[in-house]
Amino acid sequence: MSLYFKKQLILKIAQDSAWKQTVFARGSEQTSIEAQAALAESQGGQLVIPDGTTDLEIPLGPLIATGRLLYLGTDVQISFKLNGIGNAALDLQPPYTAVSPAVQPLGEFLLEGEYTSIHVSNASGSTATLFFIVAGA
């Protein structure tokens, strides 16, 4: 069985709001749909992670031995480790402060590569909401 996923990445940086003074542009506005045989199983969800949590393991699910696609989204700064708690932590935080409760930016991370475990820590001073998707075989 294959899973199908759609992704689109466009990164543009400009010096003006009309996008006439673009200093960097990468990506295209086309969206591709790909079948990935290596992504036979997936699961995802939302976790509430209390402040002070250290090395909480995100479950890969009973059928995923090796992850090959990972998405994390968080509303406050967290850190995470891949492939064991002995590895270096990566920080993930929203790009700016929310302007209202209805407009909550997420810090987002996407990995297309192998991993065997994910551990998350929260020392932000606030409860974190973590959205995640794991896929693999």
Foldseek 3Di string as FASTA:
>chain_A
DWDKDKDFDWDWDAPDPVSPRTPDIDGDPDIDIDTDPQFPDKDKDKDKAFAPDWFAWDDRDPPAQKWFKKKKKKQAKKWKDFADPVDDIDIFGFPDCDPDPVGGGIGMDIGGGITGIMTMHHNRNGIMMMIMMTTGD
